[in-house]
Amino acid sequence: MSAPHVPQVTDSDLDRMVLAEPGAVLLEFYSQTCPHCVRMAPIVSRLAERFAGRVRVYQLNVLGNTLAASRYGIHGVPTFVLLVDRDEVDRIIGEVSEEALAERIEKAVPAPVG
């Protein structure tokens, strides 16, 4: 299930939308038929709001977007890939709590001081 207010990307626009600009990105690979992904959707939406201006959040449905899934070596969903300046810095596989996911983001992308 896609998360409300979180942009969807596809094989054809991944580079243009996600990787064209430097900075931090949380990219969720999901499937609408995955019950874990359905439960994660509201969490992803809240994290997108919580980290707005600091981390760009996108979703990619692996059904129909096999090139991107293959490119990132996705073998199960949900899989969260955290990129900083286009480089993968963390990967979280499976259903996790909102706080656990937020902690991983905080660790990889600390808040600016001041």
PDB file of N, CA and C in Angstrom:
ATOM      1  N   MET A   1       0.849  -1.182   0.000  1.00  0.00           N
ATOM      2  CA  MET A   1       0.000   0.000   0.000  1.00  0.00           C
ATOM      3  C   MET A   1       0.885   1.233   0.000  1.00  0.00           C
ATOM      4  N   SER A   2       0.573   2.158  -0.843  1.00  0.00           N
ATOM      5  CA  SER A   2       1.371   3.374  -0.879  1.00  0.00           C
ATOM      6  C   SER A   2       1.014   4.253   0.316  1.00  0.00           C
ATOM      7  N   ALA A   3       2.000   4.990   0.769  1.00  0.00           N
ATOM      8  CA  ALA A   3       1.814   5.883   1.914  1.00  0.00           C
ATOM      9  C   ALA A   3       1.259   7.211   1.430  1.00  0.00           C
ATOM     10  N   PRO A   4       0.259   7.732   2.132  1.00  0.00           N
ATOM     11  CA  PRO A   4      -0.289   9.038   1.731  1.00  0.00           C
ATOM     12  C   PRO A   4       0.794  10.116   1.741  1.00  0.00           C
ATOM     13  N   HIS A   5       0.780  10.952   0.722  1.00  0.00           N
ATOM     14  CA  HIS A   5       1.667  12.114   0.625  1.00  0.00           C
ATOM     15  C   HIS A   5       3.138  11.753   0.416  1.00  0.00           C
ATOM     16  N   VAL A   6       3.428  10.499   0.043  1.00  0.00           N
ATOM     17  CA  VAL A   6       4.803  10.100  -0.241  1.00  0.00           C
ATOM     18  C   VAL A   6       4.902   9.852  -1.739  1.00  0.00           C
ATOM     19  N   PRO A   7       5.801  10.565  -2.422  1.00  0.00           N
ATOM     20  CA  PRO A   7       5.909  10.401  -3.878  1.00  0.00           C
ATOM     21  C   PRO A   7       6.285   8.974  -4.275  1.00  0.00           C
ATOM     22  N   GLN A   8       5.665   8.512  -5.352  1.00  0.00           N
ATOM     23  CA  GLN A   8       5.955   7.202  -5.926  1.00  0.00           C
ATOM     24  C   GLN A   8       6.946   7.398  -7.071  1.00  0.00           C
ATOM     25  N   VAL A   9       7.913   6.491  -7.159  1.00  0.00           N
ATOM     26  CA  VAL A   9       8.851   6.519  -8.281  1.00  0.00           C
ATOM     27  C   VAL A   9       8.783   5.186  -9.007  1.00  0.00           C
ATOM     28  N   THR A  10       9.267   5.191 -10.227  1.00  0.00           N
ATOM     29  CA  THR A  10       9.270   3.998 -11.068  1.00  0.00           C
ATOM     30  C   THR A  10      10.672   3.788 -11.633  1.00  0.00           C
ATOM     31  N   ASP A  11      10.832   2.672 -12.329  1.00  0.00           N
ATOM     32  CA  ASP A  11      12.107   2.415 -13.003  1.00  0.00           C
ATOM     33  C   ASP A  11      12.521   3.601 -13.867  1.00  0.00           C
ATOM     34  N   SER A  12      11.559   4.163 -14.581  1.00  0.00           N
ATOM     35  CA  SER A  12      11.880   5.198 -15.565  1.00  0.00           C
ATOM     36  C   SER A  12      12.196   6.555 -14.958  1.00  0.00           C
ATOM     37  N   ASP A  13      11.720   6.834 -13.744  1.00  0.00           N
ATOM     38  CA  ASP A  13      12.004   8.161 -13.181  1.00  0.00           C
ATOM     39  C   ASP A  13      12.835   8.135 -11.897  1.00  0.00           C
ATOM     40  N   LEU A  14      13.346   6.973 -11.521  1.00  0.00           N
ATOM     41  CA  LEU A  14      14.156   6.865 -10.303  1.00  0.00           C
ATOM     42  C   LEU A  14      15.356   7.802 -10.333  1.00  0.00           C
ATOM     43  N   ASP A  15      16.141   7.743 -11.382  1.00  0.00           N
ATOM     44  CA  ASP A  15      17.339   8.587 -11.448  1.00  0.00           C
ATOM     45  C   ASP A  15      16.988  10.067 -11.426  1.00  0.00           C
ATOM     46  N   ARG A  16      15.980  10.441 -12.187  1.00  0.00           N
ATOM     47  CA  ARG A  16      15.604  11.856 -12.284  1.00  0.00           C
ATOM     48  C   ARG A  16      15.019  12.374 -10.971  1.00  0.00           C
ATOM     49  N   MET A  17      14.154  11.606 -10.340  1.00  0.00           N
ATOM     50  CA  MET A  17      13.467  12.093  -9.141  1.00  0.00           C
ATOM     51  C   MET A  17      14.272  11.899  -7.854  1.00  0.00           C
ATOM     52  N   VAL A  18      14.964  10.777  -7.750  1.00  0.00           N
ATOM     53  CA  VAL A  18      15.593  10.417  -6.481  1.00  0.00           C
ATOM     54  C   VAL A  18      17.083  10.721  -6.463  1.00  0.00           C
ATOM     55  N   LEU A  19      17.762  10.386  -7.528  1.00  0.00           N
ATOM     56  CA  LEU A  19      19.222  10.445  -7.504  1.00  0.00           C
ATOM     57  C   LEU A  19      19.813  11.686  -8.147  1.00  0.00           C
ATOM     58  N   ALA A  20      19.009  12.524  -8.751  1.00  0.00           N
ATOM     59  CA  ALA A  20      19.524  13.694  -9.459  1.00  0.00           C
ATOM     60  C   ALA A  20      20.121  14.730  -8.514  1.00  0.00           C
ATOM     61  N   GLU A  21      19.601  14.802  -7.306  1.00  0.00           N
ATOM     62  CA  GLU A  21      20.069  15.814  -6.357  1.00  0.00           C
ATOM     63  C   GLU A  21      20.791  15.158  -5.195  1.00  0.00           C
ATOM     64  N   PRO A  22      21.840  15.804  -4.690  1.00  0.00           N
ATOM     65  CA  PRO A  22      22.497  15.277  -3.495  1.00  0.00           C
ATOM     66  C   PRO A  22      21.587  15.436  -2.277  1.00  0.00           C
ATOM     67  N   GLY A  23      21.970  14.802  -1.203  1.00  0.00           N
ATOM     68  CA  GLY A  23      21.200  14.890   0.030  1.00  0.00           C
ATOM     69  C   GLY A  23      20.759  13.514   0.478  1.00  0.00           C
ATOM     70  N   ALA A  24      19.933  13.490   1.512  1.00  0.00           N
ATOM     71  CA  ALA A  24      19.489  12.235   2.104  1.00  0.00           C
ATOM     72  C   ALA A  24      18.146  11.813   1.520  1.00  0.00           C
ATOM     73  N   VAL A  25      18.040  10.506   1.244  1.00  0.00           N
ATOM     74  CA  VAL A  25      16.825   9.929   0.681  1.00  0.00           C
ATOM     75  C   VAL A  25      16.531   8.619   1.399  1.00  0.00           C
ATOM     76  N   LEU A  26      15.271   8.442   1.777  1.00  0.00           N
ATOM     77  CA  LEU A  26      14.798   7.144   2.241  1.00  0.00           C
ATOM     78  C   LEU A  26      13.911   6.597   1.135  1.00  0.00           C
ATOM     79  N   LEU A  27      14.315   5.475   0.559  1.00  0.00           N
ATOM     80  CA  LEU A  27      13.591   4.864  -0.544  1.00  0.00           C
ATOM     81  C   LEU A  27      13.028   3.534  -0.067  1.00  0.00           C
ATOM     82  N   GLU A  28      11.691   3.439  -0.039  1.00  0.00           N
ATOM     83  CA  GLU A  28      11.058   2.197   0.373  1.00  0.00           C
ATOM     84  C   GLU A  28      10.652   1.397  -0.867  1.00  0.00           C
ATOM     85  N   PHE A  29      11.123   0.171  -0.918  1.00  0.00           N
ATOM     86  CA  PHE A  29      10.681  -0.780  -1.925  1.00  0.00           C
ATOM     87  C   PHE A  29       9.550  -1.567  -1.285  1.00  0.00           C
ATOM     88  N   TYR A  30       8.380  -1.579  -1.935  1.00  0.00           N
ATOM     89  CA  TYR A  30       7.213  -2.204  -1.337  1.00  0.00           C
ATOM     90  C   TYR A  30       6.374  -2.887  -2.411  1.00  0.00           C
ATOM     91  N   SER A  31       5.340  -3.586  -1.941  1.00  0.00           N
ATOM     92  CA  SER A  31       4.346  -4.177  -2.832  1.00  0.00           C
ATOM     93  C   SER A  31       2.981  -3.967  -2.199  1.00  0.00           C
ATOM     94  N   GLN A  32       1.986  -3.663  -3.012  1.00  0.00           N
ATOM     95  CA  GLN A  32       0.649  -3.452  -2.491  1.00  0.00           C
ATOM     96  C   GLN A  32       0.028  -4.742  -1.978  1.00  0.00           C
ATOM     97  N   THR A  33       0.582  -5.890  -2.337  1.00  0.00           N
ATOM     98  CA  THR A  33       0.056  -7.171  -1.886  1.00  0.00           C
ATOM     99  C   THR A  33       0.744  -7.678  -0.620  1.00  0.00           C
ATOM    100  N   CYS A  34       1.690  -6.928  -0.095  1.00  0.00           N
ATOM    101  CA  CYS A  34       2.467  -7.323   1.080  1.00  0.00           C
ATOM    102  C   CYS A  34       1.816  -6.776   2.348  1.00  0.00           C
ATOM    103  N   PRO A  35       1.365  -7.646   3.269  1.00  0.00           N
ATOM    104  CA  PRO A  35       0.721  -7.153   4.488  1.00  0.00           C
ATOM    105  C   PRO A  35       1.652  -6.316   5.365  1.00  0.00           C
ATOM    106  N   HIS A  36       2.936  -6.642   5.370  1.00  0.00           N
ATOM    107  CA  HIS A  36       3.897  -5.848   6.148  1.00  0.00           C
ATOM    108  C   HIS A  36       4.015  -4.432   5.582  1.00  0.00           C
ATOM    109  N   CYS A  37       4.000  -4.346   4.265  1.00  0.00           N
ATOM    110  CA  CYS A  37       4.072  -3.043   3.602  1.00  0.00           C
ATOM    111  C   CYS A  37       2.829  -2.207   3.899  1.00  0.00           C
ATOM    112  N   VAL A  38       1.675  -2.851   3.923  1.00  0.00           N
ATOM    113  CA  VAL A  38       0.428  -2.156   4.229  1.00  0.00           C
ATOM    114  C   VAL A  38       0.503  -1.558   5.632  1.00  0.00           C
ATOM    115  N   ARG A  39       1.023  -2.324   6.573  1.00  0.00           N
ATOM    116  CA  ARG A  39       1.149  -1.816   7.947  1.00  0.00           C
ATOM    117  C   ARG A  39       2.203  -0.712   8.067  1.00  0.00           C
ATOM    118  N   MET A  40       3.207  -0.742   7.199  1.00  0.00           N
ATOM    119  CA  MET A  40       4.260   0.277   7.243  1.00  0.00           C
ATOM    120  C   MET A  40       3.841   1.591   6.592  1.00  0.00           C
ATOM    121  N   ALA A  41       2.824   1.590   5.753  1.00  0.00           N
ATOM    122  CA  ALA A  41       2.434   2.790   4.997  1.00  0.00           C
ATOM    123  C   ALA A  41       2.189   4.006   5.876  1.00  0.00           C
ATOM    124  N   PRO A  42       1.406   3.918   6.961  1.00  0.00           N
ATOM    125  CA  PRO A  42       1.213   5.119   7.774  1.00  0.00           C
ATOM    126  C   PRO A  42       2.491   5.558   8.486  1.00  0.00           C
ATOM    127  N   ILE A  43       3.356   4.616   8.798  1.00  0.00           N
ATOM    128  CA  ILE A  43       4.638   4.946   9.438  1.00  0.00           C
ATOM    129  C   ILE A  43       5.507   5.718   8.459  1.00  0.00           C
ATOM    130  N   VAL A  44       5.574   5.247   7.223  1.00  0.00           N
ATOM    131  CA  VAL A  44       6.370   5.931   6.192  1.00  0.00           C
ATOM    132  C   VAL A  44       5.845   7.344   5.981  1.00  0.00           C
ATOM    133  N   SER A  45       4.542   7.488   5.963  1.00  0.00           N
ATOM    134  CA  SER A  45       3.933   8.806   5.785  1.00  0.00           C
ATOM    135  C   SER A  45       4.306   9.747   6.942  1.00  0.00           C
ATOM    136  N   ARG A  46       4.228   9.250   8.164  1.00  0.00           N
ATOM    137  CA  ARG A  46       4.591  10.089   9.324  1.00  0.00           C
ATOM    138  C   ARG A  46       6.071  10.449   9.321  1.00  0.00           C
ATOM    139  N   LEU A  47       6.915   9.502   8.939  1.00  0.00           N
ATOM    140  CA  LEU A  47       8.360   9.787   8.889  1.00  0.00           C
ATOM    141  C   LEU A  47       8.681  10.796   7.794  1.00  0.00           C
ATOM    142  N   ALA A  48       7.958  10.747   6.689  1.00  0.00           N
ATOM    143  CA  ALA A  48       8.157  11.736   5.626  1.00  0.00           C
ATOM    144  C   ALA A  48       7.864  13.136   6.156  1.00  0.00           C
ATOM    145  N   GLU A  49       6.820  13.264   6.960  1.00  0.00           N
ATOM    146  CA  GLU A  49       6.490  14.562   7.565  1.00  0.00           C
ATOM    147  C   GLU A  49       7.521  14.948   8.618  1.00  0.00           C
ATOM    148  N   ARG A  50       7.893  13.995   9.455  1.00  0.00           N
ATOM    149  CA  ARG A  50       8.841  14.256  10.553  1.00  0.00           C
ATOM    150  C   ARG A  50      10.203  14.723  10.045  1.00  0.00           C
ATOM    151  N   PHE A  51      10.658  14.145   8.944  1.00  0.00           N
ATOM    152  CA  PHE A  51      11.991  14.467   8.422  1.00  0.00           C
ATOM    153  C   PHE A  51      11.948  15.393   7.209  1.00  0.00           C
ATOM    154  N   ALA A  52      10.818  16.006   6.959  1.00  0.00           N
ATOM    155  CA  ALA A  52      10.677  16.926   5.822  1.00  0.00           C
ATOM    156  C   ALA A  52      11.747  18.003   5.885  1.00  0.00           C
ATOM    157  N   GLY A  53      12.349  18.294   4.744  1.00  0.00           N
ATOM    158  CA  GLY A  53      13.402  19.299   4.676  1.00  0.00           C
ATOM    159  C   GLY A  53      14.776  18.737   4.999  1.00  0.00           C
ATOM    160  N   ARG A  54      14.809  17.513   5.509  1.00  0.00           N
ATOM    161  CA  ARG A  54      16.078  16.886   5.886  1.00  0.00           C
ATOM    162  C   ARG A  54      16.324  15.585   5.116  1.00  0.00           C
ATOM    163  N   VAL A  55      15.261  14.814   4.920  1.00  0.00           N
ATOM    164  CA  VAL A  55      15.341  13.540   4.203  1.00  0.00           C
ATOM    165  C   VAL A  55      14.160  13.483   3.230  1.00  0.00           C
ATOM    166  N   ARG A  56      14.461  13.266   1.967  1.00  0.00           N
ATOM    167  CA  ARG A  56      13.385  13.071   0.991  1.00  0.00           C
ATOM    168  C   ARG A  56      12.960  11.612   1.047  1.00  0.00           C
ATOM    169  N   VAL A  57      11.660  11.370   1.095  1.00  0.00           N
ATOM    170  CA  VAL A  57      11.133  10.010   1.205  1.00  0.00           C
ATOM    171  C   VAL A  57      10.357   9.676  -0.068  1.00  0.00           C
ATOM    172  N   TYR A  58      10.652   8.490  -0.623  1.00  0.00           N
ATOM    173  CA  TYR A  58       9.987   8.009  -1.829  1.00  0.00           C
ATOM    174  C   TYR A  58       9.624   6.543  -1.640  1.00  0.00           C
ATOM    175  N   GLN A  59       8.663   6.090  -2.437  1.00  0.00           N
ATOM    176  CA  GLN A  59       8.301   4.682  -2.476  1.00  0.00           C
ATOM    177  C   GLN A  59       8.400   4.173  -3.905  1.00  0.00           C
ATOM    178  N   LEU A  60       8.777   2.898  -4.025  1.00  0.00           N
ATOM    179  CA  LEU A  60       8.841   2.254  -5.322  1.00  0.00           C
ATOM    180  C   LEU A  60       8.162   0.890  -5.203  1.00  0.00           C
ATOM    181  N   ASN A  61       7.097   0.698  -5.967  1.00  0.00           N
ATOM    182  CA  ASN A  61       6.370  -0.564  -5.982  1.00  0.00           C
ATOM    183  C   ASN A  61       7.172  -1.551  -6.829  1.00  0.00           C
ATOM    184  N   VAL A  62       7.622  -2.644  -6.215  1.00  0.00           N
ATOM    185  CA  VAL A  62       8.470  -3.595  -6.947  1.00  0.00           C
ATOM    186  C   VAL A  62       7.717  -4.327  -8.041  1.00  0.00           C
ATOM    187  N   LEU A  63       6.393  -4.376  -7.936  1.00  0.00           N
ATOM    188  CA  LEU A  63       5.601  -5.002  -8.997  1.00  0.00           C
ATOM    189  C   LEU A  63       5.560  -4.046 -10.182  1.00  0.00           C
ATOM    190  N   GLY A  64       6.198  -4.424 -11.241  1.00  0.00           N
ATOM    191  CA  GLY A  64       6.254  -3.580 -12.425  1.00  0.00           C
ATOM    192  C   GLY A  64       7.479  -2.693 -12.495  1.00  0.00           C
ATOM    193  N   ASN A  65       8.314  -2.727 -11.482  1.00  0.00           N
ATOM    194  CA  ASN A  65       9.547  -1.924 -11.477  1.00  0.00           C
ATOM    195  C   ASN A  65      10.726  -2.816 -11.108  1.00  0.00           C
ATOM    196  N   THR A  66      10.895  -3.850 -11.890  1.00  0.00           N
ATOM    197  CA  THR A  66      11.905  -4.856 -11.570  1.00  0.00           C
ATOM    198  C   THR A  66      13.334  -4.382 -11.804  1.00  0.00           C
ATOM    199  N   LEU A  67      13.530  -3.410 -12.679  1.00  0.00           N
ATOM    200  CA  LEU A  67      14.895  -2.925 -12.928  1.00  0.00           C
ATOM    201  C   LEU A  67      15.479  -2.265 -11.680  1.00  0.00           C
ATOM    202  N   ALA A  68      14.705  -1.394 -11.050  1.00  0.00           N
ATOM    203  CA  ALA A  68      15.186  -0.725  -9.836  1.00  0.00           C
ATOM    204  C   ALA A  68      15.371  -1.725  -8.707  1.00  0.00           C
ATOM    205  N   ALA A  69      14.436  -2.651  -8.571  1.00  0.00           N
ATOM    206  CA  ALA A  69      14.550  -3.671  -7.523  1.00  0.00           C
ATOM    207  C   ALA A  69      15.803  -4.509  -7.724  1.00  0.00           C
ATOM    208  N   SER A  70      16.080  -4.861  -8.959  1.00  0.00           N
ATOM    209  CA  SER A  70      17.286  -5.633  -9.261  1.00  0.00           C
ATOM    210  C   SER A  70      18.546  -4.806  -9.024  1.00  0.00           C
ATOM    211  N   ARG A  71      18.505  -3.570  -9.440  1.00  0.00           N
ATOM    212  CA  ARG A  71      19.645  -2.660  -9.280  1.00  0.00           C
ATOM    213  C   ARG A  71      20.071  -2.545  -7.818  1.00  0.00           C
ATOM    214  N   TYR A  72      19.087  -2.538  -6.919  1.00  0.00           N
ATOM    215  CA  TYR A  72      19.368  -2.415  -5.493  1.00  0.00           C
ATOM    216  C   TYR A  72      19.391  -3.757  -4.768  1.00  0.00           C
ATOM    217  N   GLY A  73      19.286  -4.846  -5.495  1.00  0.00           N
ATOM    218  CA  GLY A  73      19.364  -6.163  -4.885  1.00  0.00           C
ATOM    219  C   GLY A  73      18.238  -6.441  -3.900  1.00  0.00           C
ATOM    220  N   ILE A  74      17.033  -6.040  -4.256  1.00  0.00           N
ATOM    221  CA  ILE A  74      15.888  -6.216  -3.372  1.00  0.00           C
ATOM    222  C   ILE A  74      15.369  -7.645  -3.511  1.00  0.00           C
ATOM    223  N   HIS A  75      15.309  -8.359  -2.386  1.00  0.00           N
ATOM    224  CA  HIS A  75      14.842  -9.741  -2.385  1.00  0.00           C
ATOM    225  C   HIS A  75      13.579  -9.923  -1.553  1.00  0.00           C
ATOM    226  N   GLY A  76      13.207  -8.918  -0.789  1.00  0.00           N
ATOM    227  CA  GLY A  76      12.003  -8.979   0.029  1.00  0.00           C
ATOM    228  C   GLY A  76      11.514  -7.580   0.317  1.00  0.00           C
ATOM    229  N   VAL A  77      10.229  -7.481   0.625  1.00  0.00           N
ATOM    230  CA  VAL A  77       9.648  -6.182   0.929  1.00  0.00           C
ATOM    231  C   VAL A  77       8.922  -6.258   2.262  1.00  0.00           C
ATOM    232  N   PRO A  78       8.847  -5.161   2.958  1.00  0.00           N
ATOM    233  CA  PRO A  78       9.431  -3.867   2.613  1.00  0.00           C
ATOM    234  C   PRO A  78      10.940  -3.856   2.844  1.00  0.00           C
ATOM    235  N   THR A  79      11.630  -3.135   2.006  1.00  0.00           N
ATOM    236  CA  THR A  79      13.052  -2.858   2.185  1.00  0.00           C
ATOM    237  C   THR A  79      13.234  -1.352   2.086  1.00  0.00           C
ATOM    238  N   PHE A  80      13.907  -0.797   3.075  1.00  0.00           N
ATOM    239  CA  PHE A  80      14.176   0.637   3.128  1.00  0.00           C
ATOM    240  C   PHE A  80      15.656   0.848   2.859  1.00  0.00           C
ATOM    241  N   VAL A  81      15.966   1.631   1.841  1.00  0.00           N
ATOM    242  CA  VAL A  81      17.350   1.952   1.499  1.00  0.00           C
ATOM    243  C   VAL A  81      17.555   3.426   1.810  1.00  0.00           C
ATOM    244  N   LEU A  82      18.515   3.698   2.671  1.00  0.00           N
ATOM    245  CA  LEU A  82      18.830   5.075   3.050  1.00  0.00           C
ATOM    246  C   LEU A  82      20.076   5.498   2.290  1.00  0.00           C
ATOM    247  N   LEU A  83      19.918   6.544   1.489  1.00  0.00           N
ATOM    248  CA  LEU A  83      20.997   7.063   0.656  1.00  0.00           C
ATOM    249  C   LEU A  83      21.394   8.446   1.148  1.00  0.00           C
ATOM    250  N   VAL A  84      22.679   8.704   1.162  1.00  0.00           N
ATOM    251  CA  VAL A  84      23.178  10.050   1.445  1.00  0.00           C
ATOM    252  C   VAL A  84      24.111  10.405   0.299  1.00  0.00           C
ATOM    253  N   ASP A  85      23.777  11.466  -0.398  1.00  0.00           N
ATOM    254  CA  ASP A  85      24.529  11.885  -1.588  1.00  0.00           C
ATOM    255  C   ASP A  85      24.709  10.722  -2.559  1.00  0.00           C
ATOM    256  N   ARG A  86      23.593   9.997  -2.781  1.00  0.00           N
ATOM    257  CA  ARG A  86      23.476   8.897  -3.748  1.00  0.00           C
ATOM    258  C   ARG A  86      24.126   7.593  -3.300  1.00  0.00           C
ATOM    259  N   ASP A  87      24.815   7.585  -2.163  1.00  0.00           N
ATOM    260  CA  ASP A  87      25.474   6.379  -1.675  1.00  0.00           C
ATOM    261  C   ASP A  87      24.625   5.728  -0.592  1.00  0.00           C
ATOM    262  N   GLU A  88      24.475   4.414  -0.676  1.00  0.00           N
ATOM    263  CA  GLU A  88      23.721   3.699   0.336  1.00  0.00           C
ATOM    264  C   GLU A  88      24.499   3.696   1.648  1.00  0.00           C
ATOM    265  N   VAL A  89      23.834   4.145   2.720  1.00  0.00           N
ATOM    266  CA  VAL A  89      24.471   4.182   4.034  1.00  0.00           C
ATOM    267  C   VAL A  89      23.796   3.242   5.028  1.00  0.00           C
ATOM    268  N   ASP A  90      22.588   2.774   4.701  1.00  0.00           N
ATOM    269  CA  ASP A  90      21.899   1.838   5.582  1.00  0.00           C
ATOM    270  C   ASP A  90      20.798   1.155   4.794  1.00  0.00           C
ATOM    271  N   ARG A  91      20.413  -0.023   5.289  1.00  0.00           N
ATOM    272  CA  ARG A  91      19.345  -0.808   4.669  1.00  0.00           C
ATOM    273  C   ARG A  91      18.597  -1.505   5.789  1.00  0.00           C
ATOM    274  N   ILE A  92      17.299  -1.363   5.771  1.00  0.00           N
ATOM    275  CA  ILE A  92      16.439  -1.975   6.769  1.00  0.00           C
ATOM    276  C   ILE A  92      15.461  -2.866   6.009  1.00  0.00           C
ATOM    277  N   ILE A  93      15.427  -4.128   6.376  1.00  0.00           N
ATOM    278  CA  ILE A  93      14.567  -5.084   5.685  1.00  0.00           C
ATOM    279  C   ILE A  93      13.487  -5.568   6.640  1.00  0.00           C
ATOM    280  N   GLY A  94      12.259  -5.511   6.174  1.00  0.00           N
ATOM    281  CA  GLY A  94      11.146  -6.031   6.951  1.00  0.00           C
ATOM    282  C   GLY A  94      10.381  -4.955   7.689  1.00  0.00           C
ATOM    283  N   GLU A  95       9.363  -5.405   8.379  1.00  0.00           N
ATOM    284  CA  GLU A  95       8.502  -4.514   9.159  1.00  0.00           C
ATOM    285  C   GLU A  95       9.210  -4.144  10.458  1.00  0.00           C
ATOM    286  N   VAL A  96       9.335  -2.862  10.712  1.00  0.00           N
ATOM    287  CA  VAL A  96       9.986  -2.368  11.930  1.00  0.00           C
ATOM    288  C   VAL A  96       9.118  -1.278  12.543  1.00  0.00           C
ATOM    289  N   SER A  97       9.392  -0.967  13.786  1.00  0.00           N
ATOM    290  CA  SER A  97       8.620   0.086  14.446  1.00  0.00           C
ATOM    291  C   SER A  97       9.019   1.456  13.902  1.00  0.00           C
ATOM    292  N   GLU A  98       8.137   2.396  14.091  1.00  0.00           N
ATOM    293  CA  GLU A  98       8.409   3.763  13.665  1.00  0.00           C
ATOM    294  C   GLU A  98       9.659   4.306  14.336  1.00  0.00           C
ATOM    295  N   GLU A  99       9.784   4.064  15.638  1.00  0.00           N
ATOM    296  CA  GLU A  99      10.944   4.585  16.359  1.00  0.00           C
ATOM    297  C   GLU A  99      12.242   3.924  15.910  1.00  0.00           C
ATOM    298  N   ALA A 100      12.207   2.635  15.634  1.00  0.00           N
ATOM    299  CA  ALA A 100      13.418   1.955  15.161  1.00  0.00           C
ATOM    300  C   ALA A 100      13.877   2.524  13.824  1.00  0.00           C
ATOM    301  N   LEU A 101      12.930   2.758  12.934  1.00  0.00           N
ATOM    302  CA  LEU A 101      13.274   3.330  11.633  1.00  0.00           C
ATOM    303  C   LEU A 101      13.759   4.768  11.792  1.00  0.00           C
ATOM    304  N   ALA A 102      13.111   5.532  12.643  1.00  0.00           N
ATOM    305  CA  ALA A 102      13.528   6.922  12.893  1.00  0.00           C
ATOM    306  C   ALA A 102      14.936   6.976  13.487  1.00  0.00           C
ATOM    307  N   GLU A 103      15.256   6.058  14.383  1.00  0.00           N
ATOM    308  CA  GLU A 103      16.605   6.018  14.978  1.00  0.00           C
ATOM    309  C   GLU A 103      17.665   5.762  13.924  1.00  0.00           C
ATOM    310  N   ARG A 104      17.369   4.873  12.994  1.00  0.00           N
ATOM    311  CA  ARG A 104      18.336   4.582  11.931  1.00  0.00           C
ATOM    312  C   ARG A 104      18.536   5.802  11.047  1.00  0.00           C
ATOM    313  N   ILE A 105      17.459   6.524  10.775  1.00  0.00           N
ATOM    314  CA  ILE A 105      17.565   7.747   9.971  1.00  0.00           C
ATOM    315  C   ILE A 105      18.375   8.784  10.734  1.00  0.00           C
ATOM    316  N   GLU A 106      18.066   8.988  12.015  1.00  0.00           N
ATOM    317  CA  GLU A 106      18.803   9.954  12.844  1.00  0.00           C
ATOM    318  C   GLU A 106      20.290   9.641  12.885  1.00  0.00           C
ATOM    319  N   LYS A 107      20.623   8.369  12.984  1.00  0.00           N
ATOM    320  CA  LYS A 107      22.027   7.961  13.043  1.00  0.00           C
ATOM    321  C   LYS A 107      22.762   8.294  11.751  1.00  0.00           C
ATOM    322  N   ALA A 108      22.101   8.057  10.627  1.00  0.00           N
ATOM    323  CA  ALA A 108      22.730   8.289   9.320  1.00  0.00           C
ATOM    324  C   ALA A 108      22.692   9.740   8.880  1.00  0.00           C
ATOM    325  N   VAL A 109      21.667  10.476   9.341  1.00  0.00           N
ATOM    326  CA  VAL A 109      21.474  11.856   8.916  1.00  0.00           C
ATOM    327  C   VAL A 109      21.204  12.699  10.161  1.00  0.00           C
ATOM    328  N   PRO A 110      22.253  13.024  10.913  1.00  0.00           N
ATOM    329  CA  PRO A 110      22.040  13.797  12.138  1.00  0.00           C
ATOM    330  C   PRO A 110      21.425  15.168  11.855  1.00  0.00           C
ATOM    331  N   ALA A 111      20.638  15.607  12.809  1.00  0.00           N
ATOM    332  CA  ALA A 111      20.030  16.949  12.686  1.00  0.00           C
ATOM    333  C   ALA A 111      21.121  18.002  12.731  1.00  0.00           C
ATOM    334  N   PRO A 112      20.951  19.074  11.974  1.00  0.00           N
ATOM    335  CA  PRO A 112      21.938  20.155  12.022  1.00  0.00           C
ATOM    336  C   PRO A 112      21.973  20.773  13.415  1.00  0.00           C
ATOM    337  N   VAL A 113      23.141  21.144  13.846  1.00  0.00           N
ATOM    338  CA  VAL A 113      23.307  21.766  15.154  1.00  0.00           C
ATOM    339  C   VAL A 113      23.029  23.250  15.036  1.00  0.00           C
ATOM    340  N   GLY A 114      22.273  23.771  15.982  1.00  0.00           N
ATOM    341  CA  GLY A 114      22.027  25.213  16.002  1.00  0.00           C
ATOM    342  C   GLY A 114      20.719  25.516  15.537  1.00  0.00           C
TER     343      GLY A 114
END
